[in-house]
C-alpha atoms as a PDB file:
ATOM      1  CA  MET A   1      -0.011  -0.022   0.071  1.00  0.00           C
ATOM      2  CA  PRO A   2       1.450   3.346  -1.011  1.00  0.00           C
ATOM      3  CA  LYS A   3       2.632   5.760   1.852  1.00  0.00           C
ATOM      4  CA  GLY A   4       2.060   9.412   2.180  1.00  0.00           C
ATOM      5  CA  LYS A   5       4.412  12.340   2.679  1.00  0.00           C
ATOM      6  CA  TRP A   6       5.521  11.396   6.350  1.00  0.00           C
ATOM      7  CA  GLY A   7       5.069   7.641   6.111  1.00  0.00           C
ATOM      8  CA  PHE A   8       1.311   7.697   7.002  1.00  0.00           C
ATOM      9  CA  GLN A   9      -0.888   5.365   4.999  1.00  0.00           C
ATOM     10  CA  LYS A  10      -3.075   6.991   2.358  1.00  0.00           C
ATOM     11  CA  GLY A  11      -6.713   6.787   3.290  1.00  0.00           C
ATOM     12  CA  ASN A  12      -6.037   6.765   7.107  1.00  0.00           C
ATOM     13  CA  LYS A  13      -8.252   9.553   8.273  1.00  0.00           C
ATOM     14  CA  LEU A  14      -6.843   9.419  11.811  1.00  0.00           C
ATOM     15  CA  GLY A  15      -3.300  10.118  10.663  1.00  0.00           C
ATOM     16  CA  LYS A  16      -2.033   7.199  12.768  1.00  0.00           C
ATOM     17  CA  LYS A  17       0.829   4.974  11.722  1.00  0.00           C
ATOM     18  CA  PHE A  18       0.242   1.222  11.951  1.00  0.00           C
ATOM     19  CA  LYS A  19       3.053  -0.866  13.338  1.00  0.00           C
ATOM     20  CA  SER A  20       2.899  -3.667  10.891  1.00  0.00           C
ATOM     21  CA  GLY A  21       1.984  -1.485   8.025  1.00  0.00           C
ATOM     22  CA  HIS A  22      -1.392  -3.057   7.604  1.00  0.00           C
ATOM     23  CA  PRO A  23      -4.672  -1.099   8.630  1.00  0.00           C
ATOM     24  CA  THR A  24      -6.171  -4.237  10.173  1.00  0.00           C
ATOM     25  CA  SER A  25      -3.172  -4.964  12.435  1.00  0.00           C
ATOM     26  CA  ASN A  26      -4.074  -5.461  16.165  1.00  0.00           C
ATOM     27  CA  THR A  27      -0.506  -4.839  17.181  1.00  0.00           C
ATOM     28  CA  GLY A  28      -0.081  -8.266  18.741  1.00  0.00           C
ATOM     29  CA  ARG A  29      -2.906  -7.897  21.267  1.00  0.00           C
ATOM     30  CA  THR A  30      -5.126 -11.014  21.830  1.00  0.00           C
ATOM     31  CA  HIS A  31      -8.915 -10.630  22.493  1.00  0.00           C
ATOM     32  CA  PHE A  32     -10.571 -13.373  24.330  1.00  0.00           C
ATOM     33  CA  LYS A  33     -14.229 -14.235  24.229  1.00  0.00           C
ATOM     34  CA  LYS A  34     -16.221 -14.425  27.412  1.00  0.00           C
ATOM     35  CA  GLY A  35     -15.264 -17.578  29.203  1.00  0.00           C
ATOM     36  CA  GLU A  36     -12.439 -18.432  26.897  1.00  0.00           C
ATOM     37  CA  THR A  37      -9.158 -18.403  28.895  1.00  0.00           C
ATOM     38  CA  ALA A  38     -10.606 -16.068  31.334  1.00  0.00           C
ATOM     39  CA  GLY A  39      -9.801 -15.366  34.934  1.00  0.00           C
ATOM     40  CA  VAL A  40      -6.719 -17.024  36.499  1.00  0.00           C
ATOM     41  CA  LYS A  41      -6.164 -19.242  33.394  1.00  0.00           C
ATOM     42  CA  ASN A  42      -5.282 -16.102  31.365  1.00  0.00           C
ATOM     43  CA  PRO A  43      -1.554 -15.604  31.077  1.00  0.00           C
ATOM     44  CA  THR A  44      -1.990 -11.715  31.714  1.00  0.00           C
ATOM     45  CA  TRP A  45      -3.904 -12.151  34.938  1.00  0.00           C
ATOM     46  CA  LYS A  46      -2.841  -9.674  37.724  1.00  0.00           C
ATOM     47  CA  GLY A  47      -5.408 -10.563  40.355  1.00  0.00           C
ATOM     48  CA  GLU A  48      -5.518  -7.867  43.167  1.00  0.00           C
ATOM     49  CA  GLU A  49      -2.784  -5.844  41.346  1.00  0.00           C
ATOM     50  CA  ALA A  50      -5.126  -5.055  38.539  1.00  0.00           C
ATOM     51  CA  SER A  51      -5.780  -1.390  37.878  1.00  0.00           C
ATOM     52  CA  TYR A  52      -8.773   0.570  38.886  1.00  0.00           C
ATOM     53  CA  SER A  53      -9.839   1.010  35.230  1.00  0.00           C
ATOM     54  CA  ALA A  54      -9.386  -2.797  34.567  1.00  0.00           C
ATOM     55  CA  LYS A  55     -11.639  -3.552  37.500  1.00  0.00           C
ATOM     56  CA  HIS A  56     -14.309  -1.295  36.112  1.00  0.00           C
ATOM     57  CA  LYS A  57     -14.026  -2.678  32.621  1.00  0.00           C
ATOM     58  CA  TRP A  58     -14.522  -6.147  34.191  1.00  0.00           C
ATOM     59  CA  LEU A  59     -17.702  -4.892  35.909  1.00  0.00           C
ATOM     60  CA  LYS A  60     -19.055  -3.539  32.737  1.00  0.00           C
ATOM     61  CA  PHE A  61     -18.340  -6.565  30.690  1.00  0.00           C
ATOM     62  CA  ASN A  62     -19.861  -9.032  33.243  1.00  0.00           C
ATOM     63  CA  TYR A  63     -22.653  -7.022  34.734  1.00  0.00           C
ATOM     64  CA  GLY A  64     -23.315  -4.527  32.061  1.00  0.00           C
ATOM     65  CA  LYS A  65     -23.427  -0.752  31.980  1.00  0.00           C
ATOM     66  CA  ALA A  66     -24.840   0.932  35.254  1.00  0.00           C
ATOM     67  CA  ASP A  67     -28.225   2.152  33.825  1.00  0.00           C
ATOM     68  CA  TYR A  68     -30.181   3.119  37.007  1.00  0.00           C
ATOM     69  CA  CYS A  69     -29.754   4.174  40.453  1.00  0.00           C
ATOM     70  CA  GLU A  70     -30.308   1.287  42.986  1.00  0.00           C
ATOM     71  CA  ASN A  71     -30.770   3.919  45.694  1.00  0.00           C
ATOM     72  CA  ARG A  72     -33.956   5.050  44.060  1.00  0.00           C
ATOM     73  CA  LYS A  73     -35.945   1.929  44.209  1.00  0.00           C
ATOM     74  CA  GLU A  74     -34.562   0.357  47.364  1.00  0.00           C
ATOM     75  CA  PRO A  75     -32.558   3.064  49.430  1.00  0.00           C
ATOM     76  CA  PHE A  76     -29.616   1.332  51.049  1.00  0.00           C
ATOM     77  CA  LEU A  77     -28.158   4.830  51.902  1.00  0.00           C
ATOM     78  CA  SER A  78     -29.385   7.226  54.700  1.00  0.00           C
ATOM     79  CA  PHE A  79     -31.236   9.153  51.889  1.00  0.00           C
ATOM     80  CA  LYS A  80     -33.394   8.263  48.996  1.00  0.00           C
ATOM     81  CA  CYS A  81     -32.457   9.305  45.392  1.00  0.00           C
ATOM     82  CA  SER A  82     -34.874  11.967  44.027  1.00  0.00           C
ATOM     83  CA  LYS A  83     -33.176  13.079  40.834  1.00  0.00           C
ATOM     84  CA  LYS A  84     -33.441  11.586  37.358  1.00  0.00           C
ATOM     85  CA  SER A  85     -30.129  11.338  35.744  1.00  0.00           C
ATOM     86  CA  LYS A  86     -28.630  10.283  32.491  1.00  0.00           C
ATOM     87  CA  ASN A  87     -25.383   9.169  33.899  1.00  0.00           C
ATOM     88  CA  TYR A  88     -24.781   6.266  36.212  1.00  0.00           C
ATOM     89  CA  GLN A  89     -21.653   4.691  37.823  1.00  0.00           C
ATOM     90  CA  TRP A  90     -20.584   1.509  39.555  1.00  0.00           C
ATOM     91  CA  ALA A  91     -19.778   2.189  43.227  1.00  0.00           C
ATOM     92  CA  LYS A  92     -17.909  -0.140  45.503  1.00  0.00           C
ATOM     93  CA  VAL A  93     -19.782  -0.868  48.821  1.00  0.00           C
ATOM     94  CA  HIS A  94     -17.593   0.416  51.777  1.00  0.00           C
ATOM     95  CA  GLY A  95     -15.847  -2.170  53.570  1.00  0.00           C
ATOM     96  CA  LYS A  96     -15.936  -4.645  50.664  1.00  0.00           C
ATOM     97  CA  GLN A  97     -13.004  -5.919  48.529  1.00  0.00           C
ATOM     98  CA  HIS A  98     -12.752  -5.659  44.702  1.00  0.00           C
ATOM     99  CA  ASP A  99     -13.838  -9.167  44.444  1.00  0.00           C
ATOM    100  CA  HIS A 100     -15.745 -10.694  41.520  1.00  0.00           C
ATOM    101  CA  LYS A 101     -19.003 -10.549  43.306  1.00  0.00           C
ATOM    102  CA  ARG A 102     -22.039  -8.533  42.391  1.00  0.00           C
ATOM    103  CA  GLU A 103     -23.120  -7.744  45.928  1.00  0.00           C
ATOM    104  CA  ASN A 104     -19.866  -5.775  46.459  1.00  0.00           C
ATOM    105  CA  TYR A 105     -20.989  -3.084  43.989  1.00  0.00           C
ATOM    106  CA  ARG A 106     -23.965  -0.904  43.487  1.00  0.00           C
ATOM    107  CA  LYS A 107     -25.339   1.030  40.434  1.00  0.00           C
ATOM    108  CA  LEU A 108     -25.599   4.735  41.468  1.00  0.00           C
ATOM    109  CA  CYS A 109     -26.367   7.974  39.844  1.00  0.00           C
ATOM    110  CA  ILE A 110     -23.427  10.469  40.095  1.00  0.00           C
ATOM    111  CA  SER A 111     -25.094  12.527  42.818  1.00  0.00           C
ATOM    112  CA  CYS A 112     -25.632   9.588  45.059  1.00  0.00           C
ATOM    113  CA  HIS A 113     -22.192   8.263  44.372  1.00  0.00           C
ATOM    114  CA  LYS A 114     -20.600  11.500  45.476  1.00  0.00           C
ATOM    115  CA  LYS A 115     -22.817  11.725  48.583  1.00  0.00           C
ATOM    116  CA  TYR A 116     -22.003   8.090  49.396  1.00  0.00           C
ATOM    117  CA  ASP A 117     -18.273   8.693  49.103  1.00  0.00           C
ATOM    118  CA  LEU A 118     -18.437  11.882  51.216  1.00  0.00           C
ATOM    119  CA  SER A 119     -20.443  10.022  54.042  1.00  0.00           C
ATOM    120  CA  ILE A 120     -17.678   7.478  54.110  1.00  0.00           C
ATOM    121  CA  LYS A 121     -14.945  10.228  54.497  1.00  0.00           C
ATOM    122  CA  ILE A 122     -16.687  11.936  57.154  1.00  0.00           C
ATOM    123  CA  GLN A 123     -17.072   8.883  59.403  1.00  0.00           C
END
C-alpha cells in the first residue's frame, strides 16, 4: 500500500501509523471471548494488582453498564435518590473488597455516588 508524505498510510483519516503497515493490524494484542481463557487461566492475569480501570471494565463486561440508581428503588443509603439522571456509575460498597461478586458493587447516579463517598470520608 503506498505511503504518504510522512510515512502515513493513504486513506487513514486519523493520521495514525500502523506498526505492521497493515490497517487491520491489532499490534499483537489477543482478544478473548467471554469464558475463553478467562480469569486465573489467562496468562496476563494480575489478580489484586489489577488497575482501577481494569476492574471497572470487568464490571461493565460481566454485569453490564450501570443504567439506573439502585438507591432510588430500594434505598440502602441514609437518603433516597430523588433526581433523574442520564449518567450512572458503579460504586464499590464500603468495607468490601474488589472481588468478583455482584453484591460488592452498587449502581448509583453520580449525585448519590458523590454523597456516598463523602459520607464515608466524614465517618
